[in-house]
Amino acid sequence: MRREPATMSLIDDATKLELTAMYNAAGRFYHTRAHVDSLLALLEKHREVFHDAEAVEAAVWFHDAIYDSRAKDNEAKSAELAAERLAPSVGEQRLSRIRAMIEATTTHSVPEVSDPRHRADLEMFLDMDLSVLAAEPDVFDAYEAAVREEYSWADEGAWRAGRAAVLRSFLDRPTLFFSELFRRQFEAAARENLRRSLARLGA
């Protein structure tokens, strides 16, 4: 299938500095610039499989730009920010694809997409975002602890119940990962980590 021609990054250096400051703001322990960097590294590793790697890169940069653990509209606001910053230089159709990727992280499910190339990129983007679930046990445990820090306002009972519900919803899926590439590499390890975390939560 035809891919978008290679281009420069859609995000200029000034915007990257702005976003870096947002990701490194106080109160963030997992949703930081380090998380963005880990996804950018995966994007670079698998760049040849993407149809529009530059759009995916933009989605990576913006997808958690707005993050408040008490809020329910972080993804929508992050997509709005991407539209605001990128609209002067990115075409409407491409910008729509970027927004769709960011908004899909609300539920980590794939919306109805007619273009198979966009769907494939969207699936890989979501898989990259969830790849931490398949990390080595010590890395996964550090991720869990960092997310707990971001929810330090929640009492222990509420945290355990809420976190268990999220993890169980992932385990109940037929597959955690959408792409064959990530299923083959990460599915088994991710399921083991989720089961171990649920046991620790008393669920």
Protein backbone atom coordinates (compact mmCIF):
# COMPACT_ATOMS: atom_id res chain seq x y z
CA MET A 1 0.00 0.00 0.00
CA ARG A 2 1.13 3.52 -0.75
CA ARG A 3 2.60 5.46 2.14
CA GLU A 4 2.74 9.18 2.72
CA PRO A 5 5.97 10.65 1.35
CA ALA A 6 8.63 11.20 3.98
CA THR A 7 8.65 14.71 5.39
CA MET A 8 10.17 16.68 8.20
CA SER A 9 8.58 16.46 11.64
CA LEU A 10 5.21 18.18 11.78
CA ILE A 11 6.16 19.72 15.12
CA ASP A 12 8.66 22.57 15.31
CA ASP A 13 11.26 22.94 18.03
CA ALA A 14 9.36 25.66 19.87
CA THR A 15 6.28 23.44 20.15
CA LYS A 16 8.41 20.52 21.34
CA LEU A 17 9.81 22.74 24.10
CA GLU A 18 6.29 23.83 25.06
CA LEU A 19 5.08 20.23 25.18
CA THR A 20 8.14 19.07 27.10
CA ALA A 21 7.38 21.64 29.80
CA MET A 22 3.81 20.33 29.99
CA TYR A 23 4.94 16.71 30.26
CA ASN A 24 7.48 17.56 32.97
CA ALA A 25 5.02 19.55 35.09
CA ALA A 26 4.64 18.79 38.79
CA GLY A 27 2.28 15.97 39.62
CA ARG A 28 3.24 13.77 36.69
CA PHE A 29 5.08 10.56 37.42
CA TYR A 30 4.30 8.32 34.44
CA HIS A 31 2.73 10.63 31.84
CA THR A 32 6.00 12.51 31.41
CA ARG A 33 8.41 13.31 28.59
CA ALA A 34 10.00 9.90 29.28
CA HIS A 35 6.73 8.25 28.22
CA VAL A 36 6.72 10.28 25.01
CA ASP A 37 10.34 9.32 24.34
CA SER A 38 9.58 5.63 24.80
CA LEU A 39 6.83 5.82 22.17
CA LEU A 40 9.02 7.81 19.81
CA ALA A 41 11.66 5.08 20.14
CA LEU A 42 9.08 2.42 19.23
CA LEU A 43 7.92 4.53 16.31
CA GLU A 44 11.46 4.78 15.01
CA LYS A 45 12.05 1.05 15.50
CA HIS A 46 8.95 0.15 13.47
CA ARG A 47 8.86 3.15 11.18
CA GLU A 48 8.72 1.13 7.98
CA VAL A 49 5.31 -0.35 8.87
CA PHE A 50 3.58 3.02 9.26
CA HIS A 51 1.78 4.70 6.37
CA ASP A 52 2.10 8.22 7.80
CA ALA A 53 4.81 8.09 10.45
CA GLU A 54 4.89 11.89 10.76
CA ALA A 55 1.21 11.99 11.74
CA VAL A 56 1.80 9.22 14.29
CA GLU A 57 4.76 11.15 15.66
CA ALA A 58 2.56 14.20 16.11
CA ALA A 59 -0.06 12.11 17.91
CA VAL A 60 2.63 10.74 20.21
CA TRP A 61 3.80 14.23 21.12
CA PHE A 62 0.31 15.55 21.86
CA HIS A 63 -1.62 12.53 23.17
CA ASP A 64 -1.03 13.18 26.90
CA ALA A 65 -0.17 16.88 26.69
CA ILE A 66 -3.20 17.72 28.83
CA TYR A 67 -3.25 15.44 31.85
CA ASP A 68 -5.22 15.79 35.06
CA SER A 69 -5.92 12.49 36.81
CA ARG A 70 -9.18 13.90 38.20
CA ALA A 71 -10.50 14.92 34.77
CA LYS A 72 -12.40 12.90 32.16
CA ASP A 73 -11.61 15.01 29.10
CA ASN A 74 -7.80 14.95 28.92
CA GLU A 75 -7.75 13.23 25.54
CA ALA A 76 -10.28 15.61 24.00
CA LYS A 77 -8.36 18.62 25.28
CA SER A 78 -5.06 17.19 24.05
CA ALA A 79 -6.60 16.66 20.61
CA GLU A 80 -7.87 20.23 20.64
CA LEU A 81 -4.40 21.48 21.50
CA ALA A 82 -2.93 19.48 18.62
CA ALA A 83 -5.48 20.97 16.24
CA GLU A 84 -4.71 24.47 17.46
CA ARG A 85 -0.95 24.11 17.12
CA LEU A 86 -0.86 22.11 13.89
CA ALA A 87 -3.71 23.65 11.89
CA PRO A 88 -1.55 26.39 10.29
CA SER A 89 0.79 23.85 8.73
CA VAL A 90 -1.07 20.52 8.52
CA GLY A 91 -3.84 19.72 6.06
CA GLU A 92 -7.36 19.12 7.34
CA GLN A 93 -7.48 15.41 6.47
CA ARG A 94 -4.14 14.68 8.07
CA LEU A 95 -5.04 16.70 11.14
CA SER A 96 -8.26 14.73 11.45
CA ARG A 97 -6.24 11.51 11.53
CA ILE A 98 -3.98 12.91 14.25
CA ARG A 99 -6.97 13.95 16.34
CA ALA A 100 -8.57 10.52 15.90
CA MET A 101 -5.44 8.80 17.21
CA ILE A 102 -5.28 11.02 20.28
CA GLU A 103 -8.99 10.70 21.04
CA ALA A 104 -8.81 6.90 20.69
CA THR A 105 -6.60 6.74 23.79
CA THR A 106 -9.70 7.58 25.84
CA THR A 107 -10.80 3.95 25.68
CA HIS A 108 -7.85 2.38 23.85
CA SER A 109 -10.25 0.97 21.31
CA VAL A 110 -10.26 1.49 17.55
CA PRO A 111 -13.09 3.68 16.23
CA GLU A 112 -14.80 3.10 12.91
CA VAL A 113 -12.22 4.02 10.27
CA SER A 114 -12.83 3.57 6.55
CA ASP A 115 -9.24 4.04 5.37
CA PRO A 116 -7.30 0.80 6.02
CA ARG A 117 -4.00 2.69 6.09
CA HIS A 118 -5.23 5.04 8.79
CA ARG A 119 -6.68 2.12 10.74
CA ALA A 120 -3.37 0.26 10.63
CA ASP A 121 -1.49 3.33 11.90
CA LEU A 122 -4.09 3.93 14.59
CA GLU A 123 -3.84 0.33 15.79
CA MET A 124 -0.06 0.51 15.99
CA PHE A 125 -0.24 3.84 17.82
CA LEU A 126 -2.57 2.39 20.46
CA ASP A 127 -0.40 -0.71 20.75
CA MET A 128 2.67 1.43 21.38
CA ASP A 129 0.84 3.34 24.09
CA LEU A 130 -0.05 0.08 25.87
CA SER A 131 3.30 -1.62 25.35
CA VAL A 132 4.31 -0.79 28.94
CA LEU A 133 1.87 -3.50 30.02
CA ALA A 134 4.32 -6.03 28.61
CA ALA A 135 7.41 -4.58 30.27
CA GLU A 136 9.74 -6.61 32.45
CA PRO A 137 8.14 -7.13 35.88
CA ASP A 138 10.29 -4.55 37.67
CA VAL A 139 9.61 -1.95 34.97
CA PHE A 140 5.90 -2.74 35.02
CA ASP A 141 5.85 -2.43 38.81
CA ALA A 142 7.56 0.97 38.57
CA TYR A 143 4.94 2.03 36.02
CA GLU A 144 2.15 0.95 38.38
CA ALA A 145 3.74 2.85 41.26
CA ALA A 146 4.09 5.98 39.09
CA VAL A 147 0.43 5.87 38.08
CA ARG A 148 -0.53 5.43 41.74
CA GLU A 149 1.46 8.60 42.52
CA GLU A 150 -0.59 10.45 39.91
CA TYR A 151 -3.71 9.30 41.77
CA SER A 152 -2.36 10.07 45.22
CA TRP A 153 -5.56 12.04 45.93
CA ALA A 154 -7.59 8.79 45.78
CA ASP A 155 -7.94 6.74 48.95
CA GLU A 156 -6.58 3.20 48.84
CA GLY A 157 -9.94 1.48 48.54
CA ALA A 158 -11.10 3.65 45.67
CA TRP A 159 -7.75 3.27 43.94
CA ARG A 160 -7.77 -0.52 44.19
CA ALA A 161 -11.33 -0.81 42.91
CA GLY A 162 -10.82 1.64 40.05
CA ARG A 163 -7.47 0.25 38.98
CA ALA A 164 -8.72 -3.33 39.12
CA ALA A 165 -11.68 -2.41 36.91
CA VAL A 166 -9.37 -0.88 34.31
CA LEU A 167 -6.97 -3.82 34.29
CA ARG A 168 -9.77 -6.36 34.19
CA SER A 169 -11.32 -4.57 31.20
CA PHE A 170 -8.05 -5.08 29.34
CA LEU A 171 -7.79 -8.73 30.35
CA ASP A 172 -11.37 -9.36 29.21
CA ARG A 173 -10.54 -8.34 25.66
CA PRO A 174 -10.02 -11.12 23.10
CA THR A 175 -6.61 -9.54 22.51
CA LEU A 176 -4.86 -6.65 24.26
CA PHE A 177 -3.00 -5.55 21.14
CA PHE A 178 -4.52 -4.85 17.74
CA SER A 179 -1.56 -5.42 15.44
CA GLU A 180 -0.19 -8.87 14.75
CA LEU A 181 3.30 -7.47 15.34
CA PHE A 182 2.58 -6.38 18.91
CA ARG A 183 0.37 -9.37 19.73
CA ARG A 184 3.18 -11.70 18.78
CA GLN A 185 5.78 -9.81 20.82
CA PHE A 186 3.84 -8.58 23.84
CA GLU A 187 0.47 -10.28 24.40
CA ALA A 188 1.59 -13.08 26.71
CA ALA A 189 3.82 -10.88 28.88
CA ALA A 190 1.16 -8.18 29.18
CA ARG A 191 -1.47 -10.66 30.32
CA GLU A 192 0.89 -12.09 32.92
CA ASN A 193 1.63 -8.61 34.30
CA LEU A 194 -2.07 -7.75 34.44
CA ARG A 195 -2.93 -10.95 36.28
CA ARG A 196 -0.11 -10.34 38.74
CA SER A 197 -1.26 -6.75 39.32
CA LEU A 198 -4.86 -7.82 39.88
CA ALA A 199 -3.74 -10.38 42.45
CA ARG A 200 -1.75 -7.68 44.23
CA LEU A 201 -4.79 -5.40 44.22
CA GLY A 202 -6.81 -8.14 45.88
CA ALA A 203 -9.04 -8.48 42.86
